[in-house]
Amino acid sequence: MREVRIMLFVLILASINVYGKNNDSTDAIVVKRVLILGNSIVKHKPAPAIGWKGNWGMAASVKDSDFVHILIRKIKHENKNCRVKFMNIAVFERTYTTFNLDELKSLKKFNADLIVVKISENVIDSTSIENDFLGSYKKLIQYLDPNETAIKVIVDGFWDKPQVNKIVKQLATNGKYDFVSISELSKEETNTAKGKFTNSGVAAHPSDRGMRLIAEHIWETLKKFF
């Protein structure tokens, strides 16, 4: 009888280890590499023609005020050895049906333990794109994590694009990924850079306050993995 109890205990421990690495449990997860993907809100090189001089998340006053660098500080505070890689993949948003995923080969090789994707702003808001965008987004996730070992956190768009953001949420639901919504933030004008830039496109991006709130929303989900 004692041997049976021991055997049952061993089986229970084994099952915990097997199922520990998914988005529903933080057991046995050690995050060493984080990948953050997005668009100009993640990073945009200088564009003097539209009044943008930075080389970080567009409309943030300084690099350390964009949401990515705020998240990096929070991650490093929890694990100073954690590596964080981030990239603007706006070209995927604009050409998702024809985009060659091998252009992201370096990101795949990074072999992230945790992948945060925040895209949608450059996608046309229409019900007609649902199948194409949903399928292409799914292929992107599968390409970055072919072995399905990474934690995925999906974030919708800062701008109010109901159809696109609905698709983004559907992707997260279908894949059982953690989902973070930030689309309500842009409805508060102080969360945008309106009045700080003459170009309306730049000014529509998050202000320092908006960037901080984006980071806080995402961190509420990420912190359980650290």
Protein backbone atom coordinates (compact mmCIF):
# COMPACT_ATOMS: atom_id res chain seq x y z
CA MET A 1 0.00 0.00 0.00
CA ARG A 2 2.85 2.34 0.86
CA GLU A 3 4.47 1.63 -2.51
CA VAL A 4 1.22 2.46 -4.31
CA ARG A 5 1.00 5.82 -2.52
CA ILE A 6 4.59 6.64 -3.45
CA MET A 7 3.93 5.74 -7.08
CA LEU A 8 0.85 7.99 -7.19
CA PHE A 9 2.85 10.87 -5.72
CA VAL A 10 5.54 10.46 -8.38
CA LEU A 11 2.94 10.45 -11.15
CA ILE A 12 1.36 13.65 -9.80
CA LEU A 13 4.75 15.40 -9.76
CA ALA A 14 5.44 14.25 -13.29
CA SER A 15 2.13 15.63 -14.53
CA ILE A 16 2.87 19.01 -12.97
CA ASN A 17 6.21 19.19 -14.78
CA VAL A 18 4.69 18.15 -18.10
CA TYR A 19 1.87 20.66 -18.04
CA GLY A 20 3.68 23.46 -16.23
CA LYS A 21 4.67 25.49 -19.30
CA ASN A 22 1.48 26.97 -20.66
CA ASN A 23 -0.35 30.25 -20.30
CA ASP A 24 -2.67 28.86 -17.64
CA SER A 25 0.11 28.02 -15.18
CA THR A 26 3.32 29.66 -14.03
CA ASP A 27 4.74 26.42 -12.57
CA ALA A 28 8.26 25.48 -13.70
CA ILE A 29 8.55 28.49 -16.03
CA VAL A 30 11.92 30.21 -16.27
CA VAL A 31 11.85 33.14 -18.69
CA LYS A 32 15.33 33.92 -20.02
CA ARG A 33 14.50 35.51 -23.38
CA VAL A 34 11.64 37.91 -24.15
CA LEU A 35 10.64 39.02 -27.64
CA ILE A 36 8.44 42.11 -28.13
CA LEU A 37 7.01 42.81 -31.58
CA GLY A 38 4.94 45.72 -32.81
CA ASN A 39 5.14 48.73 -35.08
CA SER A 40 6.05 52.42 -34.74
CA ILE A 41 4.74 52.39 -31.17
CA VAL A 42 7.53 49.90 -30.44
CA LYS A 43 10.20 51.74 -32.45
CA HIS A 44 10.43 54.19 -35.34
CA LYS A 45 13.63 55.53 -36.84
CA PRO A 46 14.01 59.32 -37.32
CA ALA A 47 11.66 60.79 -39.92
CA PRO A 48 12.38 64.56 -40.12
CA ALA A 49 9.83 65.02 -42.92
CA ILE A 50 7.01 64.37 -40.45
CA GLY A 51 8.69 65.98 -37.47
CA TRP A 52 9.88 62.81 -35.76
CA LYS A 53 13.49 62.92 -34.54
CA GLY A 54 13.61 59.97 -32.16
CA ASN A 55 14.71 56.37 -32.68
CA TRP A 56 12.32 54.70 -30.24
CA GLY A 57 8.57 54.31 -29.71
CA MET A 58 6.96 57.11 -31.73
CA ALA A 59 5.76 60.18 -29.80
CA ALA A 60 7.50 59.27 -26.54
CA SER A 61 9.62 62.25 -25.45
CA VAL A 62 12.70 60.10 -24.77
CA LYS A 63 13.69 56.46 -25.29
CA ASP A 64 13.20 55.52 -21.64
CA SER A 65 9.59 56.73 -21.78
CA ASP A 66 8.35 54.39 -24.49
CA PHE A 67 6.44 51.31 -23.36
CA VAL A 68 9.11 48.81 -24.46
CA HIS A 69 11.86 50.40 -22.38
CA ILE A 70 9.52 50.71 -19.40
CA LEU A 71 8.81 46.98 -19.70
CA ILE A 72 12.51 46.20 -20.05
CA ARG A 73 13.21 47.97 -16.76
CA LYS A 74 10.46 46.01 -15.04
CA ILE A 75 11.71 42.71 -16.46
CA LYS A 76 15.33 43.45 -15.55
CA HIS A 77 14.26 44.37 -12.03
CA GLU A 78 12.88 40.86 -11.65
CA ASN A 79 15.63 39.09 -13.59
CA LYS A 80 18.69 41.16 -14.50
CA ASN A 81 19.99 38.37 -16.75
CA CYS A 82 16.86 38.16 -18.90
CA ARG A 83 17.50 39.13 -22.54
CA VAL A 84 14.92 41.29 -24.28
CA LYS A 85 14.72 41.73 -28.05
CA PHE A 86 12.20 44.01 -29.78
CA MET A 87 11.40 44.95 -33.37
CA ASN A 88 9.07 46.98 -35.55
CA ILE A 89 7.26 44.56 -37.90
CA ALA A 90 4.88 47.10 -39.45
CA VAL A 91 5.73 45.69 -42.87
CA PHE A 92 3.99 42.47 -41.81
CA GLU A 93 0.85 44.44 -40.87
CA ARG A 94 0.75 46.13 -44.27
CA THR A 95 1.53 43.06 -46.40
CA TYR A 96 0.49 40.10 -44.23
CA THR A 97 -0.93 38.04 -47.11
CA THR A 98 2.34 38.17 -49.09
CA PHE A 99 4.92 38.75 -46.36
CA ASN A 100 7.88 36.35 -46.38
CA LEU A 101 8.21 35.14 -42.80
CA ASP A 102 11.84 34.15 -43.39
CA GLU A 103 12.60 37.87 -43.15
CA LEU A 104 12.10 37.31 -39.41
CA LYS A 105 14.56 34.39 -39.26
CA SER A 106 16.74 36.16 -36.68
CA LEU A 107 13.73 36.48 -34.37
CA LYS A 108 12.95 32.79 -34.74
CA LYS A 109 16.57 31.92 -33.90
CA PHE A 110 16.32 34.06 -30.77
CA ASN A 111 14.19 31.19 -29.38
CA ALA A 112 12.18 33.36 -27.00
CA ASP A 113 10.59 31.92 -23.88
CA LEU A 114 7.99 34.69 -23.86
CA ILE A 115 6.64 36.44 -26.96
CA VAL A 116 4.64 39.68 -26.78
CA VAL A 117 2.98 40.79 -30.01
CA LYS A 118 1.22 44.16 -30.24
CA ILE A 119 0.07 44.79 -33.80
CA SER A 120 -3.07 46.01 -35.60
CA GLU A 121 -2.64 49.77 -36.05
CA ASN A 122 -1.47 49.44 -39.68
CA VAL A 123 -4.15 46.92 -40.65
CA ILE A 124 -7.21 48.14 -42.54
CA ASP A 125 -10.27 47.94 -40.30
CA SER A 126 -12.76 45.80 -42.21
CA THR A 127 -14.78 42.63 -41.67
CA SER A 128 -13.57 41.37 -45.08
CA ILE A 129 -10.01 40.83 -43.78
CA GLU A 130 -10.93 38.42 -41.00
CA ASN A 131 -9.87 35.13 -42.60
CA ASP A 132 -6.71 36.50 -44.24
CA PHE A 133 -5.46 38.47 -41.24
CA LEU A 134 -6.37 35.80 -38.70
CA GLY A 135 -4.66 33.11 -40.77
CA SER A 136 -1.56 35.22 -41.41
CA TYR A 137 -1.26 36.22 -37.75
CA LYS A 138 -1.53 32.56 -36.74
CA LYS A 139 1.25 31.65 -39.19
CA LEU A 140 3.42 34.40 -37.72
CA ILE A 141 3.05 32.96 -34.22
CA GLN A 142 3.70 29.42 -35.46
CA TYR A 143 6.81 30.58 -37.34
CA LEU A 144 8.26 32.31 -34.28
CA ASP A 145 7.47 29.36 -31.99
CA PRO A 146 7.36 26.20 -34.14
CA ASN A 147 7.73 23.89 -31.14
CA GLU A 148 4.97 25.66 -29.20
CA THR A 149 7.13 26.02 -26.09
CA ALA A 150 6.98 29.81 -25.62
CA ILE A 151 4.46 31.78 -23.62
CA LYS A 152 2.47 34.06 -25.92
CA VAL A 153 0.92 37.37 -24.89
CA ILE A 154 -1.24 39.05 -27.53
CA VAL A 155 -2.03 42.77 -27.28
CA ASP A 156 -4.63 44.59 -29.36
CA GLY A 157 -4.15 48.04 -30.91
CA PHE A 158 -3.89 51.44 -29.28
CA TRP A 159 -6.21 52.95 -31.86
CA ASP A 160 -9.91 52.16 -31.93
CA LYS A 161 -10.21 49.68 -34.78
CA PRO A 162 -13.08 47.44 -33.67
CA GLN A 163 -12.92 44.84 -36.43
CA VAL A 164 -9.15 44.39 -36.36
CA ASN A 165 -9.00 44.33 -32.57
CA LYS A 166 -11.81 41.78 -32.53
CA ILE A 167 -9.72 39.53 -34.80
CA VAL A 168 -6.68 39.98 -32.56
CA LYS A 169 -8.71 38.93 -29.53
CA GLN A 170 -10.09 35.96 -31.46
CA LEU A 171 -6.55 34.83 -32.27
CA ALA A 172 -5.66 34.94 -28.57
CA THR A 173 -8.82 33.05 -27.62
CA ASN A 174 -8.30 30.37 -30.28
CA GLY A 175 -4.68 29.85 -29.27
CA LYS A 176 -5.41 30.06 -25.53
CA TYR A 177 -2.87 32.88 -25.25
CA ASP A 178 -2.93 35.64 -22.66
CA PHE A 179 -4.72 38.70 -24.07
CA VAL A 180 -4.19 42.36 -23.13
CA SER A 181 -6.47 45.12 -24.39
CA ILE A 182 -5.21 48.70 -24.68
CA SER A 183 -7.68 49.99 -27.30
CA GLU A 184 -9.62 52.09 -24.80
CA LEU A 185 -6.55 54.17 -23.93
CA SER A 186 -6.56 56.28 -27.10
CA LYS A 187 -10.07 57.55 -26.29
CA GLU A 188 -8.50 59.74 -23.61
CA GLU A 189 -6.77 62.59 -25.45
CA THR A 190 -4.05 63.01 -22.83
CA ASN A 191 -2.89 59.47 -23.65
CA THR A 192 -2.03 60.66 -27.16
CA ALA A 193 0.58 63.18 -28.31
CA LYS A 194 -2.01 65.53 -29.76
CA GLY A 195 -0.70 69.10 -29.67
CA LYS A 196 2.91 67.96 -29.28
CA PHE A 197 3.53 67.32 -33.00
CA THR A 198 2.24 69.14 -36.07
CA ASN A 199 1.92 65.92 -38.05
CA SER A 200 -1.42 64.31 -37.16
CA GLY A 201 -0.09 60.79 -37.68
CA VAL A 202 2.72 61.26 -35.19
CA ALA A 203 0.42 63.09 -32.78
CA ALA A 204 -2.02 60.16 -32.79
CA HIS A 205 0.65 57.98 -31.18
CA PRO A 206 0.83 57.49 -27.40
CA SER A 207 2.15 60.31 -25.24
CA ASP A 208 4.50 59.54 -22.36
CA ARG A 209 1.40 58.97 -20.25
CA GLY A 210 -0.11 56.69 -22.89
CA MET A 211 3.15 54.72 -23.16
CA ARG A 212 3.28 54.30 -19.39
CA LEU A 213 -0.30 53.01 -19.30
CA ILE A 214 0.38 50.58 -22.16
CA ALA A 215 3.36 49.23 -20.24
CA GLU A 216 1.32 48.93 -17.04
CA HIS A 217 -1.48 47.05 -18.81
CA ILE A 218 0.96 44.58 -20.35
CA TRP A 219 3.00 44.18 -17.16
CA GLU A 220 -0.10 43.15 -15.23
CA THR A 221 -0.06 40.01 -17.35
CA LEU A 222 3.71 39.57 -17.72
CA LYS A 223 4.63 39.85 -14.05
CA LYS A 224 3.25 36.42 -13.19
CA PHE A 225 5.96 34.88 -15.37
CA PHE A 226 8.82 36.46 -13.40
